[in-house]
């Protein structure tokens, strides 16, 4: 498989990267954490954030302070639409992002 669409975010002292690839149910939004908190590090691959045919994600904070993952889903032109998913961060390096839905 290939990976594309990396996006970096720093939260709770951790540098995280989300990226896209393919999995059993279509496009996957992957997740990795920098082992030393810098870009010049090995990134440990974690369980994917989203596995049901969506990718090219980014993370942002709403005006109300809610963190959101935005990606396109499904990966099927012309059916692709933005999907907004509330998330939360924690300091657990094995599960640093939690989907709120």
C-alpha atoms as a PDB file:
ATOM      1  CA  UNK A   1       0.000   0.000   0.000  1.00  0.00           C
ATOM      2  CA  UNK A   2       0.947   3.625  -0.390  1.00  0.00           C
ATOM      3  CA  UNK A   3       0.460   6.478   2.027  1.00  0.00           C
ATOM      4  CA  UNK A   4      -0.410  10.066   1.228  1.00  0.00           C
ATOM      5  CA  UNK A   5      -1.919  13.217   2.673  1.00  0.00           C
ATOM      6  CA  UNK A   6       0.178  13.502   5.869  1.00  0.00           C
ATOM      7  CA  UNK A   7      -0.919  16.065   8.462  1.00  0.00           C
ATOM      8  CA  UNK A   8       1.054  16.866  11.625  1.00  0.00           C
ATOM      9  CA  UNK A   9      -0.406  18.097  14.910  1.00  0.00           C
ATOM     10  CA  UNK A  10       1.243  18.682  18.295  1.00  0.00           C
ATOM     11  CA  UNK A  11      -0.914  18.117  21.364  1.00  0.00           C
ATOM     12  CA  UNK A  12      -0.163  17.127  24.999  1.00  0.00           C
ATOM     13  CA  UNK A  13       3.578  17.273  24.238  1.00  0.00           C
ATOM     14  CA  UNK A  14       3.228  14.659  21.486  1.00  0.00           C
ATOM     15  CA  UNK A  15       3.816  15.113  17.774  1.00  0.00           C
ATOM     16  CA  UNK A  16       1.181  13.121  15.891  1.00  0.00           C
ATOM     17  CA  UNK A  17       0.814  12.424  12.199  1.00  0.00           C
ATOM     18  CA  UNK A  18      -2.345  11.353  10.432  1.00  0.00           C
ATOM     19  CA  UNK A  19      -2.101  10.010   6.882  1.00  0.00           C
ATOM     20  CA  UNK A  20      -4.150   8.083   4.324  1.00  0.00           C
ATOM     21  CA  UNK A  21      -3.798   4.632   2.790  1.00  0.00           C
ATOM     22  CA  UNK A  22      -6.016   1.675   1.896  1.00  0.00           C
ATOM     23  CA  UNK A  23      -7.444  -1.023   4.155  1.00  0.00           C
ATOM     24  CA  UNK A  24     -10.077  -3.762   4.112  1.00  0.00           C
ATOM     25  CA  UNK A  25     -13.018  -1.317   4.065  1.00  0.00           C
ATOM     26  CA  UNK A  26     -11.539   1.214   1.620  1.00  0.00           C
ATOM     27  CA  UNK A  27      -9.592   4.349   2.420  1.00  0.00           C
ATOM     28  CA  UNK A  28      -8.098   4.505   5.931  1.00  0.00           C
ATOM     29  CA  UNK A  29      -7.033   7.467   8.064  1.00  0.00           C
ATOM     30  CA  UNK A  30      -3.845   6.261   9.757  1.00  0.00           C
ATOM     31  CA  UNK A  31      -2.220   7.558  12.937  1.00  0.00           C
ATOM     32  CA  UNK A  32       1.396   7.632  14.094  1.00  0.00           C
ATOM     33  CA  UNK A  33       3.208   9.231  17.046  1.00  0.00           C
ATOM     34  CA  UNK A  34       6.762  10.592  17.049  1.00  0.00           C
ATOM     35  CA  UNK A  35       8.874   8.624  19.533  1.00  0.00           C
ATOM     36  CA  UNK A  36      10.784  11.707  20.721  1.00  0.00           C
ATOM     37  CA  UNK A  37       8.258  14.475  19.983  1.00  0.00           C
ATOM     38  CA  UNK A  38      10.147  15.896  16.990  1.00  0.00           C
ATOM     39  CA  UNK A  39       9.910  15.564  13.235  1.00  0.00           C
ATOM     40  CA  UNK A  40      13.408  14.001  13.212  1.00  0.00           C
ATOM     41  CA  UNK A  41      12.215  10.811  14.836  1.00  0.00           C
ATOM     42  CA  UNK A  42      10.893   7.361  14.154  1.00  0.00           C
ATOM     43  CA  UNK A  43       7.082   7.451  14.059  1.00  0.00           C
ATOM     44  CA  UNK A  44       5.327   4.555  15.767  1.00  0.00           C
ATOM     45  CA  UNK A  45       2.272   3.388  13.821  1.00  0.00           C
ATOM     46  CA  UNK A  46      -0.897   3.141  15.928  1.00  0.00           C
ATOM     47  CA  UNK A  47      -4.390   1.817  15.252  1.00  0.00           C
ATOM     48  CA  UNK A  48      -6.070   3.798  12.418  1.00  0.00           C
ATOM     49  CA  UNK A  49      -8.437   6.619  13.352  1.00  0.00           C
ATOM     50  CA  UNK A  50     -11.005   5.929  10.640  1.00  0.00           C
ATOM     51  CA  UNK A  51     -11.316   2.697   8.634  1.00  0.00           C
ATOM     52  CA  UNK A  52     -14.603   3.026   6.710  1.00  0.00           C
ATOM     53  CA  UNK A  53     -13.490   4.556   3.410  1.00  0.00           C
ATOM     54  CA  UNK A  54     -12.368   8.078   4.258  1.00  0.00           C
ATOM     55  CA  UNK A  55      -9.073   9.912   4.118  1.00  0.00           C
ATOM     56  CA  UNK A  56      -6.961  13.008   3.473  1.00  0.00           C
ATOM     57  CA  UNK A  57      -7.799  14.234   6.959  1.00  0.00           C
ATOM     58  CA  UNK A  58      -6.891  17.315   8.929  1.00  0.00           C
ATOM     59  CA  UNK A  59      -7.484  18.276  12.548  1.00  0.00           C
ATOM     60  CA  UNK A  60      -8.736  21.669  13.692  1.00  0.00           C
ATOM     61  CA  UNK A  61     -10.416  23.303  16.677  1.00  0.00           C
ATOM     62  CA  UNK A  62     -13.866  24.912  16.353  1.00  0.00           C
ATOM     63  CA  UNK A  63     -14.564  28.417  17.667  1.00  0.00           C
ATOM     64  CA  UNK A  64     -16.203  26.689  20.653  1.00  0.00           C
ATOM     65  CA  UNK A  65     -12.992  24.750  21.407  1.00  0.00           C
ATOM     66  CA  UNK A  66     -14.016  21.278  20.103  1.00  0.00           C
ATOM     67  CA  UNK A  67     -11.277  19.398  18.230  1.00  0.00           C
ATOM     68  CA  UNK A  68     -12.502  17.964  14.912  1.00  0.00           C
ATOM     69  CA  UNK A  69     -11.160  15.512  12.368  1.00  0.00           C
ATOM     70  CA  UNK A  70     -12.281  16.403   8.851  1.00  0.00           C
ATOM     71  CA  UNK A  71     -11.828  13.998   5.956  1.00  0.00           C
ATOM     72  CA  UNK A  72     -13.536  13.038   2.721  1.00  0.00           C
ATOM     73  CA  UNK A  73     -15.765   9.981   2.600  1.00  0.00           C
ATOM     74  CA  UNK A  74     -16.488   7.867   0.672  1.00  0.00           C
ATOM     75  CA  UNK A  75     -13.459   7.658  -1.596  1.00  0.00           C
ATOM     76  CA  UNK A  76     -15.697   7.429  -4.663  1.00  0.00           C
ATOM     77  CA  UNK A  77     -15.943  10.320  -7.136  1.00  0.00           C
ATOM     78  CA  UNK A  78     -18.436  12.067  -7.433  1.00  0.00           C
ATOM     79  CA  UNK A  79     -19.859  10.874  -4.086  1.00  0.00           C
ATOM     80  CA  UNK A  80     -17.029  12.289  -1.923  1.00  0.00           C
ATOM     81  CA  UNK A  81     -18.231  14.632   0.800  1.00  0.00           C
ATOM     82  CA  UNK A  82     -16.586  16.239   3.826  1.00  0.00           C
ATOM     83  CA  UNK A  83     -17.121  14.292   7.047  1.00  0.00           C
ATOM     84  CA  UNK A  84     -16.669  16.084  10.386  1.00  0.00           C
ATOM     85  CA  UNK A  85     -15.844  13.884  13.366  1.00  0.00           C
ATOM     86  CA  UNK A  86     -15.492  15.230  16.939  1.00  0.00           C
ATOM     87  CA  UNK A  87     -12.300  13.977  18.628  1.00  0.00           C
ATOM     88  CA  UNK A  88     -10.498  14.418  21.924  1.00  0.00           C
ATOM     89  CA  UNK A  89      -6.810  14.213  22.777  1.00  0.00           C
ATOM     90  CA  UNK A  90      -5.240  12.470  25.760  1.00  0.00           C
ATOM     91  CA  UNK A  91      -1.674  11.833  26.900  1.00  0.00           C
ATOM     92  CA  UNK A  92      -1.770   8.057  26.259  1.00  0.00           C
ATOM     93  CA  UNK A  93       0.837   7.463  23.524  1.00  0.00           C
ATOM     94  CA  UNK A  94      -0.941   4.242  22.474  1.00  0.00           C
ATOM     95  CA  UNK A  95      -4.340   5.961  22.021  1.00  0.00           C
ATOM     96  CA  UNK A  96      -3.671   9.732  21.849  1.00  0.00           C
ATOM     97  CA  UNK A  97      -6.831  10.567  19.857  1.00  0.00           C
ATOM     98  CA  UNK A  98     -10.336   9.358  20.682  1.00  0.00           C
ATOM     99  CA  UNK A  99     -13.255   9.529  18.250  1.00  0.00           C
ATOM    100  CA  UNK A 100     -16.194  11.047  20.138  1.00  0.00           C
ATOM    101  CA  UNK A 101     -18.991   9.516  18.009  1.00  0.00           C
END
